[in-house]
Amino acid sequence: MENQKEERRDQEIVYSRSVKAGKRIYYLDVRKARNNDLYLSITESKRRQGVEGEAPSFEKHKVFLYKEDFAHFTEGLQDVIAFVQNQLGTIEERQEYVPEAAAEGEEEEPKKKGLLGFLRK
């Protein structure tokens, strides 16, 4: 029965993207509802160091964002990003480590990410 639940959850995801940010990973999953409508599931996963001798654990938080709220959410997010940028002035872009290039010994230009740079694609 547990396998059926897991298969159902996997079938619901129609598009997915992960964003690594330090100790956190954000999963942006487009899911299909029972009525075939699509919605966004945002999951923050933060690694917690385990007690000595124990494996680390992951703390997860989820937010579900429905299509009728996309425009309002985007407007609000852009507003708060603009506020932070106005308060801090120029925000230095962070360099993203690309392990594939480093493992192959290639000198690839690192990807640059600014404040919520993943939204600028």
PDB file of N, CA and C in Angstrom:
ATOM      1  N   MET A   1       0.825  -1.191   0.000  1.00  0.00           N
ATOM      2  CA  MET A   1       0.000   0.000   0.000  1.00  0.00           C
ATOM      3  C   MET A   1       0.874   1.261   0.000  1.00  0.00           C
ATOM      4  N   GLU A   2       1.989   1.219   0.755  1.00  0.00           N
ATOM      5  CA  GLU A   2       2.897   2.367   0.801  1.00  0.00           C
ATOM      6  C   GLU A   2       3.481   2.642  -0.580  1.00  0.00           C
ATOM      7  N   ASN A   3       3.790   1.595  -1.349  1.00  0.00           N
ATOM      8  CA  ASN A   3       4.324   1.775  -2.702  1.00  0.00           C
ATOM      9  C   ASN A   3       3.314   2.463  -3.607  1.00  0.00           C
ATOM     10  N   GLN A   4       2.029   2.146  -3.441  1.00  0.00           N
ATOM     11  CA  GLN A   4       0.987   2.780  -4.248  1.00  0.00           C
ATOM     12  C   GLN A   4       0.912   4.277  -3.956  1.00  0.00           C
ATOM     13  N   LYS A   5       1.031   4.642  -2.687  1.00  0.00           N
ATOM     14  CA  LYS A   5       1.010   6.054  -2.312  1.00  0.00           C
ATOM     15  C   LYS A   5       2.208   6.770  -2.915  1.00  0.00           C
ATOM     16  N   GLU A   6       3.392   6.133  -2.841  1.00  0.00           N
ATOM     17  CA  GLU A   6       4.609   6.735  -3.389  1.00  0.00           C
ATOM     18  C   GLU A   6       4.500   6.893  -4.901  1.00  0.00           C
ATOM     19  N   GLU A   7       3.973   5.895  -5.595  1.00  0.00           N
ATOM     20  CA  GLU A   7       3.789   5.985  -7.041  1.00  0.00           C
ATOM     21  C   GLU A   7       2.821   7.104  -7.391  1.00  0.00           C
ATOM     22  N   ARG A   8       1.751   7.251  -6.632  1.00  0.00           N
ATOM     23  CA  ARG A   8       0.759   8.298  -6.887  1.00  0.00           C
ATOM     24  C   ARG A   8       1.398   9.681  -6.735  1.00  0.00           C
ATOM     25  N   ARG A   9       2.227   9.841  -5.677  1.00  0.00           N
ATOM     26  CA  ARG A   9       2.897  11.120  -5.466  1.00  0.00           C
ATOM     27  C   ARG A   9       3.823  11.445  -6.633  1.00  0.00           C
ATOM     28  N   ASP A  10       4.584  10.447  -7.110  1.00  0.00           N
ATOM     29  CA  ASP A  10       5.497  10.666  -8.229  1.00  0.00           C
ATOM     30  C   ASP A  10       4.746  10.985  -9.507  1.00  0.00           C
ATOM     31  N   GLN A  11       3.598  10.379  -9.720  1.00  0.00           N
ATOM     32  CA  GLN A  11       2.819  10.628 -10.926  1.00  0.00           C
ATOM     33  C   GLN A  11       2.265  12.050 -10.936  1.00  0.00           C
ATOM     34  N   GLU A  12       2.039  12.614  -9.792  1.00  0.00           N
ATOM     35  CA  GLU A  12       1.473  13.957  -9.709  1.00  0.00           C
ATOM     36  C   GLU A  12       2.447  15.033 -10.172  1.00  0.00           C
ATOM     37  N   ILE A  13       3.755  14.802 -10.078  1.00  0.00           N
ATOM     38  CA  ILE A  13       4.745  15.816 -10.446  1.00  0.00           C
ATOM     39  C   ILE A  13       4.923  15.808 -11.961  1.00  0.00           C
ATOM     40  N   VAL A  14       4.646  16.966 -12.597  1.00  0.00           N
ATOM     41  CA  VAL A  14       4.771  17.052 -14.054  1.00  0.00           C
ATOM     42  C   VAL A  14       6.003  17.858 -14.466  1.00  0.00           C
ATOM     43  N   TYR A  15       6.585  18.621 -13.543  1.00  0.00           N
ATOM     44  CA  TYR A  15       7.820  19.362 -13.804  1.00  0.00           C
ATOM     45  C   TYR A  15       8.454  19.657 -12.459  1.00  0.00           C
ATOM     46  N   SER A  16       9.780  19.594 -12.405  1.00  0.00           N
ATOM     47  CA  SER A  16      10.452  19.818 -11.139  1.00  0.00           C
ATOM     48  C   SER A  16      11.793  20.511 -11.362  1.00  0.00           C
ATOM     49  N   ARG A  17      12.161  21.332 -10.394  1.00  0.00           N
ATOM     50  CA  ARG A  17      13.457  21.996 -10.426  1.00  0.00           C
ATOM     51  C   ARG A  17      13.914  22.171  -8.987  1.00  0.00           C
ATOM     52  N   SER A  18      15.207  21.943  -8.754  1.00  0.00           N
ATOM     53  CA  SER A  18      15.735  22.160  -7.408  1.00  0.00           C
ATOM     54  C   SER A  18      16.713  23.328  -7.450  1.00  0.00           C
ATOM     55  N   VAL A  19      16.748  24.057  -6.332  1.00  0.00           N
ATOM     56  CA  VAL A  19      17.630  25.212  -6.194  1.00  0.00           C
ATOM     57  C   VAL A  19      18.445  24.988  -4.923  1.00  0.00           C
ATOM     58  N   LYS A  20      19.757  24.809  -5.083  1.00  0.00           N
ATOM     59  CA  LYS A  20      20.633  24.606  -3.932  1.00  0.00           C
ATOM     60  C   LYS A  20      21.093  25.961  -3.428  1.00  0.00           C
ATOM     61  N   ALA A  21      20.981  26.151  -2.115  1.00  0.00           N
ATOM     62  CA  ALA A  21      21.359  27.419  -1.500  1.00  0.00           C
ATOM     63  C   ALA A  21      21.990  27.136  -0.144  1.00  0.00           C
ATOM     64  N   GLY A  22      23.289  26.891  -0.136  1.00  0.00           N
ATOM     65  CA  GLY A  22      23.979  26.608   1.124  1.00  0.00           C
ATOM     66  C   GLY A  22      23.499  25.311   1.738  1.00  0.00           C
ATOM     67  N   LYS A  23      23.037  25.377   2.986  1.00  0.00           N
ATOM     68  CA  LYS A  23      22.548  24.187   3.681  1.00  0.00           C
ATOM     69  C   LYS A  23      21.111  23.845   3.298  1.00  0.00           C
ATOM     70  N   ARG A  24      20.507  24.677   2.462  1.00  0.00           N
ATOM     71  CA  ARG A  24      19.112  24.468   2.079  1.00  0.00           C
ATOM     72  C   ARG A  24      19.015  24.075   0.610  1.00  0.00           C
ATOM     73  N   ILE A  25      17.969  23.320   0.321  1.00  0.00           N
ATOM     74  CA  ILE A  25      17.603  23.017  -1.062  1.00  0.00           C
ATOM     75  C   ILE A  25      16.124  23.340  -1.184  1.00  0.00           C
ATOM     76  N   TYR A  26      15.773  24.069  -2.236  1.00  0.00           N
ATOM     77  CA  TYR A  26      14.379  24.381  -2.505  1.00  0.00           C
ATOM     78  C   TYR A  26      13.937  23.545  -3.695  1.00  0.00           C
ATOM     79  N   TYR A  27      12.858  22.804  -3.527  1.00  0.00           N
ATOM     80  CA  TYR A  27      12.297  22.007  -4.610  1.00  0.00           C
ATOM     81  C   TYR A  27      11.053  22.718  -5.122  1.00  0.00           C
ATOM     82  N   LEU A  28      11.049  23.026  -6.407  1.00  0.00           N
ATOM     83  CA  LEU A  28       9.910  23.674  -7.044  1.00  0.00           C
ATOM     84  C   LEU A  28       9.258  22.631  -7.940  1.00  0.00           C
ATOM     85  N   ASP A  29       8.139  22.095  -7.506  1.00  0.00           N
ATOM     86  CA  ASP A  29       7.457  21.019  -8.220  1.00  0.00           C
ATOM     87  C   ASP A  29       6.113  21.491  -8.753  1.00  0.00           C
ATOM     88  N   VAL A  30       5.911  21.321 -10.055  1.00  0.00           N
ATOM     89  CA  VAL A  30       4.590  21.561 -10.634  1.00  0.00           C
ATOM     90  C   VAL A  30       3.856  20.231 -10.526  1.00  0.00           C
ATOM     91  N   ARG A  31       2.717  20.264  -9.871  1.00  0.00           N
ATOM     92  CA  ARG A  31       1.946  19.035  -9.638  1.00  0.00           C
ATOM     93  C   ARG A  31       0.593  19.114 -10.315  1.00  0.00           C
ATOM     94  N   LYS A  32       0.053  17.952 -10.593  1.00  0.00           N
ATOM     95  CA  LYS A  32      -1.272  17.863 -11.200  1.00  0.00           C
ATOM     96  C   LYS A  32      -2.267  17.443 -10.132  1.00  0.00           C
ATOM     97  N   ALA A  33      -3.318  18.234  -9.979  1.00  0.00           N
ATOM     98  CA  ALA A  33      -4.371  17.931  -9.009  1.00  0.00           C
ATOM     99  C   ALA A  33      -5.314  16.869  -9.589  1.00  0.00           C
ATOM    100  N   ARG A  34      -6.186  16.367  -8.773  1.00  0.00           N
ATOM    101  CA  ARG A  34      -7.149  15.347  -9.223  1.00  0.00           C
ATOM    102  C   ARG A  34      -8.011  15.826 -10.375  1.00  0.00           C
ATOM    103  N   ASN A  35      -8.290  17.134 -10.419  1.00  0.00           N
ATOM    104  CA  ASN A  35      -9.126  17.691 -11.490  1.00  0.00           C
ATOM    105  C   ASN A  35      -8.278  18.104 -12.705  1.00  0.00           C
ATOM    106  N   ASN A  36      -7.025  17.626 -12.765  1.00  0.00           N
ATOM    107  CA  ASN A  36      -6.063  17.905 -13.839  1.00  0.00           C
ATOM    108  C   ASN A  36      -5.565  19.343 -13.862  1.00  0.00           C
ATOM    109  N   ASP A  37      -5.876  20.136 -12.853  1.00  0.00           N
ATOM    110  CA  ASP A  37      -5.354  21.491 -12.740  1.00  0.00           C
ATOM    111  C   ASP A  37      -3.911  21.394 -12.242  1.00  0.00           C
ATOM    112  N   LEU A  38      -3.095  22.404 -12.519  1.00  0.00           N
ATOM    113  CA  LEU A  38      -1.708  22.419 -12.082  1.00  0.00           C
ATOM    114  C   LEU A  38      -1.519  23.433 -10.956  1.00  0.00           C
ATOM    115  N   TYR A  39      -0.614  23.115 -10.043  1.00  0.00           N
ATOM    116  CA  TYR A  39      -0.263  24.028  -8.965  1.00  0.00           C
ATOM    117  C   TYR A  39       1.214  23.845  -8.634  1.00  0.00           C
ATOM    118  N   LEU A  40       1.778  24.799  -7.897  1.00  0.00           N
ATOM    119  CA  LEU A  40       3.186  24.775  -7.540  1.00  0.00           C
ATOM    120  C   LEU A  40       3.343  24.354  -6.086  1.00  0.00           C
ATOM    121  N   SER A  41       4.223  23.403  -5.862  1.00  0.00           N
ATOM    122  CA  SER A  41       4.570  22.962  -4.517  1.00  0.00           C
ATOM    123  C   SER A  41       6.019  23.375  -4.277  1.00  0.00           C
ATOM    124  N   ILE A  42       6.251  24.226  -3.274  1.00  0.00           N
ATOM    125  CA  ILE A  42       7.598  24.678  -2.933  1.00  0.00           C
ATOM    126  C   ILE A  42       7.985  24.012  -1.621  1.00  0.00           C
ATOM    127  N   THR A  43       9.103  23.270  -1.638  1.00  0.00           N
ATOM    128  CA  THR A  43       9.572  22.585  -0.439  1.00  0.00           C
ATOM    129  C   THR A  43      10.957  23.087  -0.082  1.00  0.00           C
ATOM    130  N   GLU A  44      11.116  23.538   1.149  1.00  0.00           N
ATOM    131  CA  GLU A  44      12.437  23.906   1.663  1.00  0.00           C
ATOM    132  C   GLU A  44      12.924  22.722   2.471  1.00  0.00           C
ATOM    133  N   SER A  45      14.114  22.240   2.149  1.00  0.00           N
ATOM    134  CA  SER A  45      14.717  21.136   2.881  1.00  0.00           C
ATOM    135  C   SER A  45      16.034  21.616   3.463  1.00  0.00           C
ATOM    136  N   LYS A  46      16.160  21.551   4.773  1.00  0.00           N
ATOM    137  CA  LYS A  46      17.370  22.015   5.449  1.00  0.00           C
ATOM    138  C   LYS A  46      17.990  20.862   6.209  1.00  0.00           C
ATOM    139  N   ARG A  47      19.273  20.656   5.960  1.00  0.00           N
ATOM    140  CA  ARG A  47      19.993  19.562   6.603  1.00  0.00           C
ATOM    141  C   ARG A  47      20.306  19.938   8.050  1.00  0.00           C
ATOM    142  N   ARG A  48      19.973  19.046   8.961  1.00  0.00           N
ATOM    143  CA  ARG A  48      20.273  19.221  10.381  1.00  0.00           C
ATOM    144  C   ARG A  48      21.321  18.188  10.766  1.00  0.00           C
ATOM    145  N   GLN A  49      22.398  18.642  11.364  1.00  0.00           N
ATOM    146  CA  GLN A  49      23.458  17.733  11.779  1.00  0.00           C
ATOM    147  C   GLN A  49      22.921  16.815  12.862  1.00  0.00           C
ATOM    148  N   GLY A  50      23.175  15.519  12.712  1.00  0.00           N
ATOM    149  CA  GLY A  50      22.709  14.555  13.699  1.00  0.00           C
ATOM    150  C   GLY A  50      23.542  14.623  14.968  1.00  0.00           C
ATOM    151  N   VAL A  51      22.975  14.114  16.039  1.00  0.00           N
ATOM    152  CA  VAL A  51      23.707  14.013  17.296  1.00  0.00           C
ATOM    153  C   VAL A  51      24.880  13.068  17.045  1.00  0.00           C
ATOM    154  N   GLU A  52      25.943  13.243  17.787  1.00  0.00           N
ATOM    155  CA  GLU A  52      27.159  12.459  17.581  1.00  0.00           C
ATOM    156  C   GLU A  52      26.845  10.975  17.368  1.00  0.00           C
ATOM    157  N   GLY A  53      27.307  10.460  16.232  1.00  0.00           N
ATOM    158  CA  GLY A  53      27.097   9.050  15.911  1.00  0.00           C
ATOM    159  C   GLY A  53      25.819   8.775  15.138  1.00  0.00           C
ATOM    160  N   GLU A  54      24.941   9.763  15.025  1.00  0.00           N
ATOM    161  CA  GLU A  54      23.692   9.577  14.286  1.00  0.00           C
ATOM    162  C   GLU A  54      23.782  10.245  12.916  1.00  0.00           C
ATOM    163  N   ALA A  55      22.998   9.731  11.995  1.00  0.00           N
ATOM    164  CA  ALA A  55      22.960  10.302  10.648  1.00  0.00           C
ATOM    165  C   ALA A  55      22.254  11.658  10.689  1.00  0.00           C
ATOM    166  N   PRO A  56      22.630  12.571   9.778  1.00  0.00           N
ATOM    167  CA  PRO A  56      21.930  13.858   9.733  1.00  0.00           C
ATOM    168  C   PRO A  56      20.476  13.671   9.314  1.00  0.00           C
ATOM    169  N   SER A  57      19.644  14.620   9.707  1.00  0.00           N
ATOM    170  CA  SER A  57      18.229  14.569   9.333  1.00  0.00           C
ATOM    171  C   SER A  57      17.913  15.801   8.485  1.00  0.00           C
ATOM    172  N   PHE A  58      16.734  15.807   7.904  1.00  0.00           N
ATOM    173  CA  PHE A  58      16.313  16.917   7.066  1.00  0.00           C
ATOM    174  C   PHE A  58      14.998  17.474   7.579  1.00  0.00           C
ATOM    175  N   GLU A  59      14.979  18.779   7.769  1.00  0.00           N
ATOM    176  CA  GLU A  59      13.769  19.482   8.193  1.00  0.00           C
ATOM    177  C   GLU A  59      13.124  20.035   6.928  1.00  0.00           C
ATOM    178  N   LYS A  60      11.836  19.740   6.720  1.00  0.00           N
ATOM    179  CA  LYS A  60      11.166  20.164   5.492  1.00  0.00           C
ATOM    180  C   LYS A  60       9.945  21.017   5.793  1.00  0.00           C
ATOM    181  N   HIS A  61       9.759  22.034   4.943  1.00  0.00           N
ATOM    182  CA  HIS A  61       8.577  22.896   5.015  1.00  0.00           C
ATOM    183  C   HIS A  61       8.011  23.021   3.612  1.00  0.00           C
ATOM    184  N   LYS A  62       6.686  22.991   3.493  1.00  0.00           N
ATOM    185  CA  LYS A  62       6.038  23.055   2.186  1.00  0.00           C
ATOM    186  C   LYS A  62       5.082  24.228   2.095  1.00  0.00           C
ATOM    187  N   VAL A  63       4.999  24.774   0.872  1.00  0.00           N
ATOM    188  CA  VAL A  63       4.026  25.809   0.547  1.00  0.00           C
ATOM    189  C   VAL A  63       3.389  25.394  -0.770  1.00  0.00           C
ATOM    190  N   PHE A  64       2.082  25.478  -0.851  1.00  0.00           N
ATOM    191  CA  PHE A  64       1.369  25.172  -2.096  1.00  0.00           C
ATOM    192  C   PHE A  64       0.840  26.473  -2.667  1.00  0.00           C
ATOM    193  N   LEU A  65       1.145  26.719  -3.926  1.00  0.00           N
ATOM    194  CA  LEU A  65       0.750  27.954  -4.584  1.00  0.00           C
ATOM    195  C   LEU A  65      -0.097  27.603  -5.805  1.00  0.00           C
ATOM    196  N   TYR A  66      -1.322  28.090  -5.827  1.00  0.00           N
ATOM    197  CA  TYR A  66      -2.263  27.756  -6.889  1.00  0.00           C
ATOM    198  C   TYR A  66      -2.252  28.834  -7.972  1.00  0.00           C
ATOM    199  N   LYS A  67      -2.563  28.433  -9.204  1.00  0.00           N
ATOM    200  CA  LYS A  67      -2.415  29.313 -10.378  1.00  0.00           C
ATOM    201  C   LYS A  67      -3.153  30.638 -10.222  1.00  0.00           C
ATOM    202  N   GLU A  68      -4.274  30.637  -9.551  1.00  0.00           N
ATOM    203  CA  GLU A  68      -5.015  31.892  -9.396  1.00  0.00           C
ATOM    204  C   GLU A  68      -4.283  32.884  -8.485  1.00  0.00           C
ATOM    205  N   ASP A  69      -3.270  32.394  -7.757  1.00  0.00           N
ATOM    206  CA  ASP A  69      -2.496  33.251  -6.869  1.00  0.00           C
ATOM    207  C   ASP A  69      -1.126  33.619  -7.432  1.00  0.00           C
ATOM    208  N   PHE A  70      -0.741  33.063  -8.580  1.00  0.00           N
ATOM    209  CA  PHE A  70       0.591  33.313  -9.144  1.00  0.00           C
ATOM    210  C   PHE A  70       0.881  34.799  -9.320  1.00  0.00           C
ATOM    211  N   ALA A  71      -0.025  35.536  -9.939  1.00  0.00           N
ATOM    212  CA  ALA A  71       0.218  36.952 -10.231  1.00  0.00           C
ATOM    213  C   ALA A  71       0.397  37.751  -8.936  1.00  0.00           C
ATOM    214  N   HIS A  72      -0.450  37.516  -7.944  1.00  0.00           N
ATOM    215  CA  HIS A  72      -0.346  38.236  -6.675  1.00  0.00           C
ATOM    216  C   HIS A  72       0.941  37.866  -5.945  1.00  0.00           C
ATOM    217  N   PHE A  73       1.274  36.586  -5.960  1.00  0.00           N
ATOM    218  CA  PHE A  73       2.486  36.117  -5.297  1.00  0.00           C
ATOM    219  C   PHE A  73       3.719  36.726  -5.962  1.00  0.00           C
ATOM    220  N   THR A  74       3.763  36.700  -7.299  1.00  0.00           N
ATOM    221  CA  THR A  74       4.896  37.251  -8.052  1.00  0.00           C
ATOM    222  C   THR A  74       5.038  38.745  -7.780  1.00  0.00           C
ATOM    223  N   GLU A  75       3.917  39.460  -7.778  1.00  0.00           N
ATOM    224  CA  GLU A  75       3.934  40.903  -7.506  1.00  0.00           C
ATOM    225  C   GLU A  75       4.488  41.183  -6.106  1.00  0.00           C
ATOM    226  N   GLY A  76       4.029  40.430  -5.140  1.00  0.00           N
ATOM    227  CA  GLY A  76       4.507  40.610  -3.767  1.00  0.00           C
ATOM    228  C   GLY A  76       5.974  40.254  -3.622  1.00  0.00           C
ATOM    229  N   LEU A  77       6.392  39.183  -4.270  1.00  0.00           N
ATOM    230  CA  LEU A  77       7.789  38.767  -4.203  1.00  0.00           C
ATOM    231  C   LEU A  77       8.696  39.809  -4.850  1.00  0.00           C
ATOM    232  N   GLN A  78       8.310  40.311  -6.009  1.00  0.00           N
ATOM    233  CA  GLN A  78       9.106  41.349  -6.673  1.00  0.00           C
ATOM    234  C   GLN A  78       9.175  42.610  -5.820  1.00  0.00           C
ATOM    235  N   ASP A  79       8.094  42.952  -5.143  1.00  0.00           N
ATOM    236  CA  ASP A  79       8.067  44.127  -4.279  1.00  0.00           C
ATOM    237  C   ASP A  79       9.058  43.981  -3.124  1.00  0.00           C
ATOM    238  N   VAL A  80       9.050  42.832  -2.447  1.00  0.00           N
ATOM    239  CA  VAL A  80       9.960  42.669  -1.314  1.00  0.00           C
ATOM    240  C   VAL A  80      11.415  42.551  -1.771  1.00  0.00           C
ATOM    241  N   ILE A  81      11.662  41.971  -2.937  1.00  0.00           N
ATOM    242  CA  ILE A  81      13.018  41.908  -3.478  1.00  0.00           C
ATOM    243  C   ILE A  81      13.514  43.321  -3.770  1.00  0.00           C
ATOM    244  N   ALA A  82      12.665  44.149  -4.376  1.00  0.00           N
ATOM    245  CA  ALA A  82      13.036  45.538  -4.663  1.00  0.00           C
ATOM    246  C   ALA A  82      13.320  46.299  -3.368  1.00  0.00           C
ATOM    247  N   PHE A  83      12.520  46.058  -2.332  1.00  0.00           N
ATOM    248  CA  PHE A  83      12.737  46.705  -1.036  1.00  0.00           C
ATOM    249  C   PHE A  83      14.107  46.339  -0.475  1.00  0.00           C
ATOM    250  N   VAL A  84      14.429  45.034  -0.493  1.00  0.00           N
ATOM    251  CA  VAL A  84      15.720  44.575   0.038  1.00  0.00           C
ATOM    252  C   VAL A  84      16.862  45.192  -0.768  1.00  0.00           C
ATOM    253  N   GLN A  85      16.736  45.210  -2.085  1.00  0.00           N
ATOM    254  CA  GLN A  85      17.782  45.791  -2.923  1.00  0.00           C
ATOM    255  C   GLN A  85      17.935  47.279  -2.653  1.00  0.00           C
ATOM    256  N   ASN A  86      16.843  47.994  -2.443  1.00  0.00           N
ATOM    257  CA  ASN A  86      16.911  49.423  -2.118  1.00  0.00           C
ATOM    258  C   ASN A  86      17.581  49.661  -0.768  1.00  0.00           C
ATOM    259  N   GLN A  87      17.317  48.787   0.192  1.00  0.00           N
ATOM    260  CA  GLN A  87      17.898  48.927   1.522  1.00  0.00           C
ATOM    261  C   GLN A  87      19.387  48.607   1.531  1.00  0.00           C
ATOM    262  N   LEU A  88      19.786  47.611   0.749  1.00  0.00           N
ATOM    263  CA  LEU A  88      21.174  47.144   0.775  1.00  0.00           C
ATOM    264  C   LEU A  88      22.037  47.726  -0.329  1.00  0.00           C
ATOM    265  N   GLY A  89      21.426  48.373  -1.294  1.00  0.00           N
ATOM    266  CA  GLY A  89      22.197  48.878  -2.436  1.00  0.00           C
ATOM    267  C   GLY A  89      22.551  47.721  -3.358  1.00  0.00           C
ATOM    268  N   THR A  90      23.744  47.756  -3.904  1.00  0.00           N
ATOM    269  CA  THR A  90      24.173  46.710  -4.820  1.00  0.00           C
ATOM    270  C   THR A  90      24.380  45.412  -4.047  1.00  0.00           C
ATOM    271  N   ILE A  91      23.797  44.352  -4.541  1.00  0.00           N
ATOM    272  CA  ILE A  91      23.932  43.048  -3.898  1.00  0.00           C
ATOM    273  C   ILE A  91      24.898  42.225  -4.738  1.00  0.00           C
ATOM    274  N   GLU A  92      25.984  41.793  -4.106  1.00  0.00           N
ATOM    275  CA  GLU A  92      26.995  41.009  -4.809  1.00  0.00           C
ATOM    276  C   GLU A  92      26.431  39.641  -5.164  1.00  0.00           C
ATOM    277  N   GLU A  93      26.656  39.243  -6.416  1.00  0.00           N
ATOM    278  CA  GLU A  93      26.181  37.939  -6.852  1.00  0.00           C
ATOM    279  C   GLU A  93      27.069  36.862  -6.256  1.00  0.00           C
ATOM    280  N   ARG A  94      26.463  35.760  -5.884  1.00  0.00           N
ATOM    281  CA  ARG A  94      27.254  34.663  -5.338  1.00  0.00           C
ATOM    282  C   ARG A  94      27.691  33.746  -6.474  1.00  0.00           C
ATOM    283  N   GLN A  95      28.821  33.125  -6.291  1.00  0.00           N
ATOM    284  CA  GLN A  95      29.330  32.181  -7.270  1.00  0.00           C
ATOM    285  C   GLN A  95      28.799  30.799  -6.929  1.00  0.00           C
ATOM    286  N   GLU A  96      28.276  30.115  -7.916  1.00  0.00           N
ATOM    287  CA  GLU A  96      27.761  28.767  -7.696  1.00  0.00           C
ATOM    288  C   GLU A  96      28.816  27.762  -8.099  1.00  0.00           C
ATOM    289  N   TYR A  97      29.116  26.837  -7.204  1.00  0.00           N
ATOM    290  CA  TYR A  97      30.093  25.795  -7.478  1.00  0.00           C
ATOM    291  C   TYR A  97      29.477  24.775  -8.428  1.00  0.00           C
ATOM    292  N   VAL A  98      30.213  24.440  -9.478  1.00  0.00           N
ATOM    293  CA  VAL A  98      29.739  23.476 -10.466  1.00  0.00           C
ATOM    294  C   VAL A  98      30.622  22.238 -10.357  1.00  0.00           C
ATOM    295  N   PRO A  99      30.197  21.200  -9.604  1.00  0.00           N
ATOM    296  CA  PRO A  99      31.068  20.054  -9.350  1.00  0.00           C
ATOM    297  C   PRO A  99      31.454  19.269 -10.603  1.00  0.00           C
ATOM    298  N   GLU A 100      30.592  19.203 -11.623  1.00  0.00           N
ATOM    299  CA  GLU A 100      30.907  18.450 -12.831  1.00  0.00           C
ATOM    300  C   GLU A 100      32.136  19.033 -13.519  1.00  0.00           C
ATOM    301  N   ALA A 101      32.202  20.348 -13.626  1.00  0.00           N
ATOM    302  CA  ALA A 101      33.323  21.014 -14.288  1.00  0.00           C
ATOM    303  C   ALA A 101      34.603  20.820 -13.478  1.00  0.00           C
ATOM    304  N   ALA A 102      34.512  20.905 -12.164  1.00  0.00           N
ATOM    305  CA  ALA A 102      35.695  20.756 -11.317  1.00  0.00           C
ATOM    306  C   ALA A 102      36.223  19.333 -11.374  1.00  0.00           C
ATOM    307  N   ALA A 103      35.330  18.356 -11.433  1.00  0.00           N
ATOM    308  CA  ALA A 103      35.739  16.958 -11.473  1.00  0.00           C
ATOM    309  C   ALA A 103      36.448  16.626 -12.781  1.00  0.00           C
ATOM    310  N   GLU A 104      36.035  17.261 -13.871  1.00  0.00           N
ATOM    311  CA  GLU A 104      36.629  16.995 -15.173  1.00  0.00           C
ATOM    312  C   GLU A 104      37.840  17.877 -15.429  1.00  0.00           C
ATOM    313  N   GLY A 105      38.146  18.794 -14.501  1.00  0.00           N
ATOM    314  CA  GLY A 105      39.293  19.667 -14.653  1.00  0.00           C
ATOM    315  C   GLY A 105      39.082  20.808 -15.630  1.00  0.00           C
ATOM    316  N   GLU A 106      37.851  21.066 -15.999  1.00  0.00           N
ATOM    317  CA  GLU A 106      37.553  22.143 -16.935  1.00  0.00           C
ATOM    318  C   GLU A 106      37.523  23.469 -16.201  1.00  0.00           C
ATOM    319  N   GLU A 107      37.925  24.499 -16.864  1.00  0.00           N
ATOM    320  CA  GLU A 107      37.883  25.852 -16.315  1.00  0.00           C
ATOM    321  C   GLU A 107      36.631  26.539 -16.830  1.00  0.00           C
ATOM    322  N   GLU A 108      35.480  26.113 -16.376  1.00  0.00           N
ATOM    323  CA  GLU A 108      34.212  26.688 -16.818  1.00  0.00           C
ATOM    324  C   GLU A 108      33.877  27.908 -15.982  1.00  0.00           C
ATOM    325  N   GLU A 109      33.308  28.927 -16.613  1.00  0.00           N
ATOM    326  CA  GLU A 109      32.862  30.129 -15.909  1.00  0.00           C
ATOM    327  C   GLU A 109      31.774  29.720 -14.922  1.00  0.00           C
ATOM    328  N   PRO A 110      31.930  30.030 -13.612  1.00  0.00           N
ATOM    329  CA  PRO A 110      30.898  29.651 -12.644  1.00  0.00           C
ATOM    330  C   PRO A 110      29.604  30.404 -12.906  1.00  0.00           C
ATOM    331  N   LYS A 111      28.508  29.736 -12.585  1.00  0.00           N
ATOM    332  CA  LYS A 111      27.201  30.373 -12.727  1.00  0.00           C
ATOM    333  C   LYS A 111      27.059  31.437 -11.654  1.00  0.00           C
ATOM    334  N   LYS A 112      26.452  32.575 -11.993  1.00  0.00           N
ATOM    335  CA  LYS A 112      26.255  33.645 -11.026  1.00  0.00           C
ATOM    336  C   LYS A 112      24.794  33.698 -10.625  1.00  0.00           C
ATOM    337  N   LYS A 113      24.587  33.866  -9.351  1.00  0.00           N
ATOM    338  CA  LYS A 113      23.236  33.985  -8.811  1.00  0.00           C
ATOM    339  C   LYS A 113      23.191  35.206  -7.929  1.00  0.00           C
ATOM    340  N   GLY A 114      22.221  36.064  -8.144  1.00  0.00           N
ATOM    341  CA  GLY A 114      22.031  37.225  -7.280  1.00  0.00           C
ATOM    342  C   GLY A 114      20.931  36.920  -6.283  1.00  0.00           C
ATOM    343  N   LEU A 115      20.351  37.957  -5.761  1.00  0.00           N
ATOM    344  CA  LEU A 115      19.244  37.799  -4.835  1.00  0.00           C
ATOM    345  C   LEU A 115      18.105  37.118  -5.556  1.00  0.00           C
ATOM    346  N   LEU A 116      17.775  35.920  -5.163  1.00  0.00           N
ATOM    347  CA  LEU A 116      16.749  35.104  -5.792  1.00  0.00           C
ATOM    348  C   LEU A 116      16.963  35.018  -7.311  1.00  0.00           C
ATOM    349  N   GLY A 117      18.194  34.812  -7.704  1.00  0.00           N
ATOM    350  CA  GLY A 117      18.556  34.733  -9.112  1.00  0.00           C
ATOM    351  C   GLY A 117      17.833  33.637  -9.859  1.00  0.00           C
ATOM    352  N   PHE A 118      17.366  32.617  -9.153  1.00  0.00           N
ATOM    353  CA  PHE A 118      16.664  31.533  -9.821  1.00  0.00           C
ATOM    354  C   PHE A 118      15.345  31.996 -10.433  1.00  0.00           C
ATOM    355  N   LEU A 119      14.829  33.145 -10.012  1.00  0.00           N
ATOM    356  CA  LEU A 119      13.586  33.655 -10.568  1.00  0.00           C
ATOM    357  C   LEU A 119      13.804  34.417 -11.872  1.00  0.00           C
ATOM    358  N   ARG A 120      15.066  34.733 -12.177  1.00  0.00           N
ATOM    359  CA  ARG A 120      15.366  35.552 -13.335  1.00  0.00           C
ATOM    360  C   ARG A 120      15.558  34.761 -14.608  1.00  0.00           C
ATOM    361  N   LYS A 121      15.370  33.486 -14.635  1.00  0.00           N
ATOM    362  CA  LYS A 121      15.613  32.661 -15.821  1.00  0.00           C
ATOM    363  C   LYS A 121      14.755  33.010 -16.974  1.00  0.00           C
TER     364      LYS A 121
END
